[in-house]
Amino acid sequence: MLHPSYSDLMAIANSDVEEGEHPVVQSRYSIVMATSKRARQIIAGDAPLIDDADDKKPLSIAVEELYKSKIKILGDDESEN
């Protein structure tokens, strides 16, 4: 079982959205894509943004980084080209 839950991660990813705006994350798919992209970055050599990452797998690190707001999921209008 994934801890934290998808709903917790979605709430954190959408925490900066102001009332009346569309949420950045609207599905589990967005969470999966964002954390898998970050896990690939860690595998490629990027340093983890959490302290206790030594004995964790890259995907677990990415999920924890999102949960602790160390990384942010950007909406379509915020992403780089």
N, C-alpha and C. Protein backbone atom coordinates (compact mmCIF):
# COMPACT_ATOMS: atom_id res chain seq x y z
N MET A 1 0.83 -1.18 0.00
CA MET A 1 0.00 0.00 0.00
C MET A 1 0.88 1.24 0.00
N LEU A 2 0.49 2.21 -0.77
CA LEU A 2 1.24 3.45 -0.88
C LEU A 2 0.91 4.36 0.29
N HIS A 3 1.94 4.78 0.97
CA HIS A 3 1.74 5.78 2.03
C HIS A 3 2.67 6.92 1.75
N PRO A 4 2.25 8.10 1.66
CA PRO A 4 0.89 8.59 1.86
C PRO A 4 -0.03 8.20 0.71
N SER A 5 -1.31 8.37 0.93
CA SER A 5 -2.30 7.97 -0.08
C SER A 5 -2.31 8.94 -1.26
N TYR A 6 -2.89 8.48 -2.36
CA TYR A 6 -3.01 9.35 -3.54
C TYR A 6 -3.78 10.61 -3.22
N SER A 7 -4.84 10.47 -2.43
CA SER A 7 -5.64 11.66 -2.10
C SER A 7 -4.84 12.66 -1.27
N ASP A 8 -3.97 12.17 -0.38
CA ASP A 8 -3.09 13.08 0.38
C ASP A 8 -2.13 13.80 -0.56
N LEU A 9 -1.53 13.06 -1.48
CA LEU A 9 -0.59 13.65 -2.43
C LEU A 9 -1.28 14.66 -3.34
N MET A 10 -2.50 14.35 -3.76
CA MET A 10 -3.24 15.28 -4.61
C MET A 10 -3.57 16.57 -3.85
N ALA A 11 -3.92 16.43 -2.58
CA ALA A 11 -4.22 17.61 -1.77
C ALA A 11 -2.98 18.49 -1.61
N ILE A 12 -1.83 17.87 -1.40
CA ILE A 12 -0.58 18.63 -1.25
C ILE A 12 -0.22 19.31 -2.57
N ALA A 13 -0.34 18.59 -3.68
CA ALA A 13 0.00 19.15 -4.99
C ALA A 13 -0.90 20.32 -5.35
N ASN A 14 -2.14 20.29 -4.87
CA ASN A 14 -3.10 21.35 -5.18
C ASN A 14 -3.20 22.41 -4.08
N SER A 15 -2.34 22.36 -3.09
CA SER A 15 -2.45 23.27 -1.95
C SER A 15 -2.21 24.73 -2.32
N ASP A 16 -1.47 25.00 -3.38
CA ASP A 16 -1.19 26.38 -3.78
C ASP A 16 -2.24 26.96 -4.73
N VAL A 17 -3.23 26.15 -5.10
CA VAL A 17 -4.25 26.59 -6.04
C VAL A 17 -5.24 27.50 -5.31
N GLU A 18 -5.47 28.65 -5.87
CA GLU A 18 -6.42 29.59 -5.26
C GLU A 18 -7.85 29.19 -5.60
N GLU A 19 -8.77 29.64 -4.78
CA GLU A 19 -10.18 29.32 -4.98
C GLU A 19 -10.65 29.83 -6.35
N GLY A 20 -11.34 28.98 -7.06
CA GLY A 20 -11.84 29.33 -8.38
C GLY A 20 -10.93 28.88 -9.52
N GLU A 21 -9.68 28.54 -9.23
CA GLU A 21 -8.76 28.04 -10.25
C GLU A 21 -8.91 26.53 -10.39
N HIS A 22 -8.49 26.02 -11.54
CA HIS A 22 -8.50 24.58 -11.75
C HIS A 22 -7.36 23.95 -10.97
N PRO A 23 -7.60 22.80 -10.35
CA PRO A 23 -6.51 22.12 -9.63
C PRO A 23 -5.41 21.68 -10.60
N VAL A 24 -4.18 21.70 -10.13
CA VAL A 24 -3.04 21.27 -10.95
C VAL A 24 -3.13 19.78 -11.19
N VAL A 25 -3.46 19.03 -10.16
CA VAL A 25 -3.56 17.58 -10.24
C VAL A 25 -5.03 17.19 -10.12
N GLN A 26 -5.52 16.49 -11.14
CA GLN A 26 -6.92 16.08 -11.13
C GLN A 26 -7.10 14.57 -11.13
N SER A 27 -5.99 13.83 -11.19
CA SER A 27 -6.10 12.37 -11.23
C SER A 27 -4.86 11.71 -10.66
N ARG A 28 -5.00 10.44 -10.37
CA ARG A 28 -3.85 9.65 -9.88
C ARG A 28 -2.76 9.58 -10.94
N TYR A 29 -3.17 9.59 -12.18
CA TYR A 29 -2.22 9.51 -13.29
C TYR A 29 -1.18 10.63 -13.20
N SER A 30 -1.61 11.84 -12.86
CA SER A 30 -0.69 12.98 -12.74
C SER A 30 0.34 12.74 -11.64
N ILE A 31 -0.10 12.16 -10.52
CA ILE A 31 0.80 11.84 -9.42
C ILE A 31 1.81 10.79 -9.86
N VAL A 32 1.34 9.76 -10.54
CA VAL A 32 2.21 8.68 -11.01
C VAL A 32 3.24 9.21 -11.99
N MET A 33 2.81 10.04 -12.94
CA MET A 33 3.74 10.58 -13.94
C MET A 33 4.78 11.49 -13.29
N ALA A 34 4.36 12.34 -12.36
CA ALA A 34 5.30 13.27 -11.72
C ALA A 34 6.31 12.54 -10.86
N THR A 35 5.86 11.58 -10.07
CA THR A 35 6.80 10.87 -9.20
C THR A 35 7.72 9.94 -10.00
N SER A 36 7.22 9.36 -11.08
CA SER A 36 8.10 8.51 -11.90
C SER A 36 9.15 9.34 -12.62
N LYS A 37 8.78 10.53 -13.06
CA LYS A 37 9.75 11.43 -13.70
C LYS A 37 10.84 11.81 -12.70
N ARG A 38 10.43 12.14 -11.48
CA ARG A 38 11.41 12.51 -10.45
C ARG A 38 12.29 11.31 -10.08
N ALA A 39 11.71 10.12 -10.02
CA ALA A 39 12.50 8.91 -9.73
C ALA A 39 13.55 8.68 -10.81
N ARG A 40 13.20 8.91 -12.06
CA ARG A 40 14.18 8.77 -13.15
C ARG A 40 15.30 9.80 -13.02
N GLN A 41 14.97 11.00 -12.56
CA GLN A 41 16.00 12.03 -12.33
C GLN A 41 16.97 11.58 -11.23
N ILE A 42 16.44 10.98 -10.18
CA ILE A 42 17.28 10.49 -9.08
C ILE A 42 18.17 9.36 -9.57
N ILE A 43 17.61 8.44 -10.35
CA ILE A 43 18.40 7.34 -10.92
C ILE A 43 19.52 7.89 -11.79
N ALA A 44 19.25 8.98 -12.51
CA ALA A 44 20.23 9.58 -13.42
C ALA A 44 21.31 10.37 -12.67
N GLY A 45 21.15 10.54 -11.36
CA GLY A 45 22.21 11.19 -10.61
C GLY A 45 21.81 12.42 -9.82
N ASP A 46 20.58 12.91 -9.96
CA ASP A 46 20.16 14.06 -9.15
C ASP A 46 20.16 13.69 -7.68
N ALA A 47 20.54 14.62 -6.85
CA ALA A 47 20.58 14.38 -5.41
C ALA A 47 19.17 14.39 -4.83
N PRO A 48 18.87 13.45 -3.94
CA PRO A 48 17.57 13.46 -3.27
C PRO A 48 17.42 14.71 -2.41
N LEU A 49 16.20 15.19 -2.27
CA LEU A 49 15.93 16.40 -1.52
C LEU A 49 15.46 16.12 -0.09
N ILE A 50 15.55 14.85 0.32
CA ILE A 50 15.21 14.49 1.69
C ILE A 50 16.46 13.93 2.37
N ASP A 51 16.48 13.96 3.69
CA ASP A 51 17.68 13.56 4.44
C ASP A 51 17.87 12.05 4.52
N ASP A 52 16.85 11.29 4.76
CA ASP A 52 16.98 9.85 5.01
C ASP A 52 16.74 9.01 3.75
N ALA A 53 17.40 9.34 2.67
CA ALA A 53 17.17 8.68 1.39
C ALA A 53 18.10 7.50 1.13
N ASP A 54 19.05 7.25 2.00
CA ASP A 54 20.08 6.25 1.74
C ASP A 54 19.55 4.84 1.48
N ASP A 55 18.58 4.40 2.24
CA ASP A 55 18.10 3.03 2.12
C ASP A 55 16.76 2.90 1.40
N LYS A 56 16.36 3.95 0.69
CA LYS A 56 15.07 3.95 0.00
C LYS A 56 15.25 3.85 -1.51
N LYS A 57 14.25 3.31 -2.16
CA LYS A 57 14.24 3.22 -3.62
C LYS A 57 13.89 4.59 -4.20
N PRO A 58 14.32 4.86 -5.44
CA PRO A 58 14.07 6.17 -6.06
C PRO A 58 12.60 6.60 -6.08
N LEU A 59 11.68 5.68 -6.34
CA LEU A 59 10.27 6.05 -6.36
C LEU A 59 9.78 6.44 -4.96
N SER A 60 10.22 5.73 -3.95
CA SER A 60 9.84 6.07 -2.57
C SER A 60 10.38 7.45 -2.19
N ILE A 61 11.57 7.75 -2.65
CA ILE A 61 12.16 9.07 -2.39
C ILE A 61 11.32 10.15 -3.07
N ALA A 62 10.94 9.91 -4.33
CA ALA A 62 10.15 10.89 -5.08
C ALA A 62 8.80 11.13 -4.42
N VAL A 63 8.14 10.08 -3.96
CA VAL A 63 6.85 10.22 -3.29
C VAL A 63 7.01 11.03 -2.01
N GLU A 64 8.05 10.73 -1.24
CA GLU A 64 8.28 11.47 0.00
C GLU A 64 8.63 12.93 -0.27
N GLU A 65 9.39 13.18 -1.33
CA GLU A 65 9.70 14.57 -1.70
C GLU A 65 8.43 15.34 -2.02
N LEU A 66 7.51 14.73 -2.75
CA LEU A 66 6.24 15.38 -3.07
C LEU A 66 5.42 15.61 -1.81
N TYR A 67 5.37 14.60 -0.94
CA TYR A 67 4.60 14.69 0.30
C TYR A 67 5.13 15.80 1.21
N LYS A 68 6.44 15.98 1.23
CA LYS A 68 7.06 17.01 2.08
C LYS A 68 7.21 18.35 1.36
N SER A 69 6.58 18.48 0.19
CA SER A 69 6.59 19.71 -0.61
C SER A 69 8.00 20.13 -1.02
N LYS A 70 8.88 19.17 -1.21
CA LYS A 70 10.23 19.47 -1.70
C LYS A 70 10.24 19.61 -3.22
N ILE A 71 9.25 19.00 -3.87
CA ILE A 71 9.07 19.15 -5.31
C ILE A 71 7.64 19.62 -5.54
N LYS A 72 7.40 20.17 -6.71
CA LYS A 72 6.10 20.73 -7.04
C LYS A 72 5.70 20.25 -8.43
N ILE A 73 4.44 19.92 -8.60
CA ILE A 73 3.91 19.55 -9.91
C ILE A 73 3.41 20.83 -10.56
N LEU A 74 3.92 21.13 -11.74
CA LEU A 74 3.52 22.33 -12.46
C LEU A 74 2.35 22.03 -13.38
N GLY A 75 1.44 22.99 -13.49
CA GLY A 75 0.33 22.85 -14.42
C GLY A 75 0.79 23.09 -15.84
N ASP A 76 -0.07 22.85 -16.80
CA ASP A 76 0.28 23.02 -18.21
C ASP A 76 0.73 24.44 -18.52
N ASP A 77 0.11 25.43 -17.90
CA ASP A 77 0.46 26.81 -18.18
C ASP A 77 1.75 27.24 -17.49
N GLU A 78 2.26 26.46 -16.54
CA GLU A 78 3.49 26.79 -15.82
C GLU A 78 4.71 26.02 -16.32
N SER A 79 4.50 24.98 -17.11
CA SER A 79 5.60 24.12 -17.51
C SER A 79 6.49 24.81 -18.53
N GLU A 80 7.74 24.35 -18.53
CA GLU A 80 8.72 24.93 -19.46
C GLU A 80 8.58 24.25 -20.82
N ASN A 81 8.92 24.94 -21.87
CA ASN A 81 8.85 24.35 -23.22
C ASN A 81 10.15 23.72 -23.57
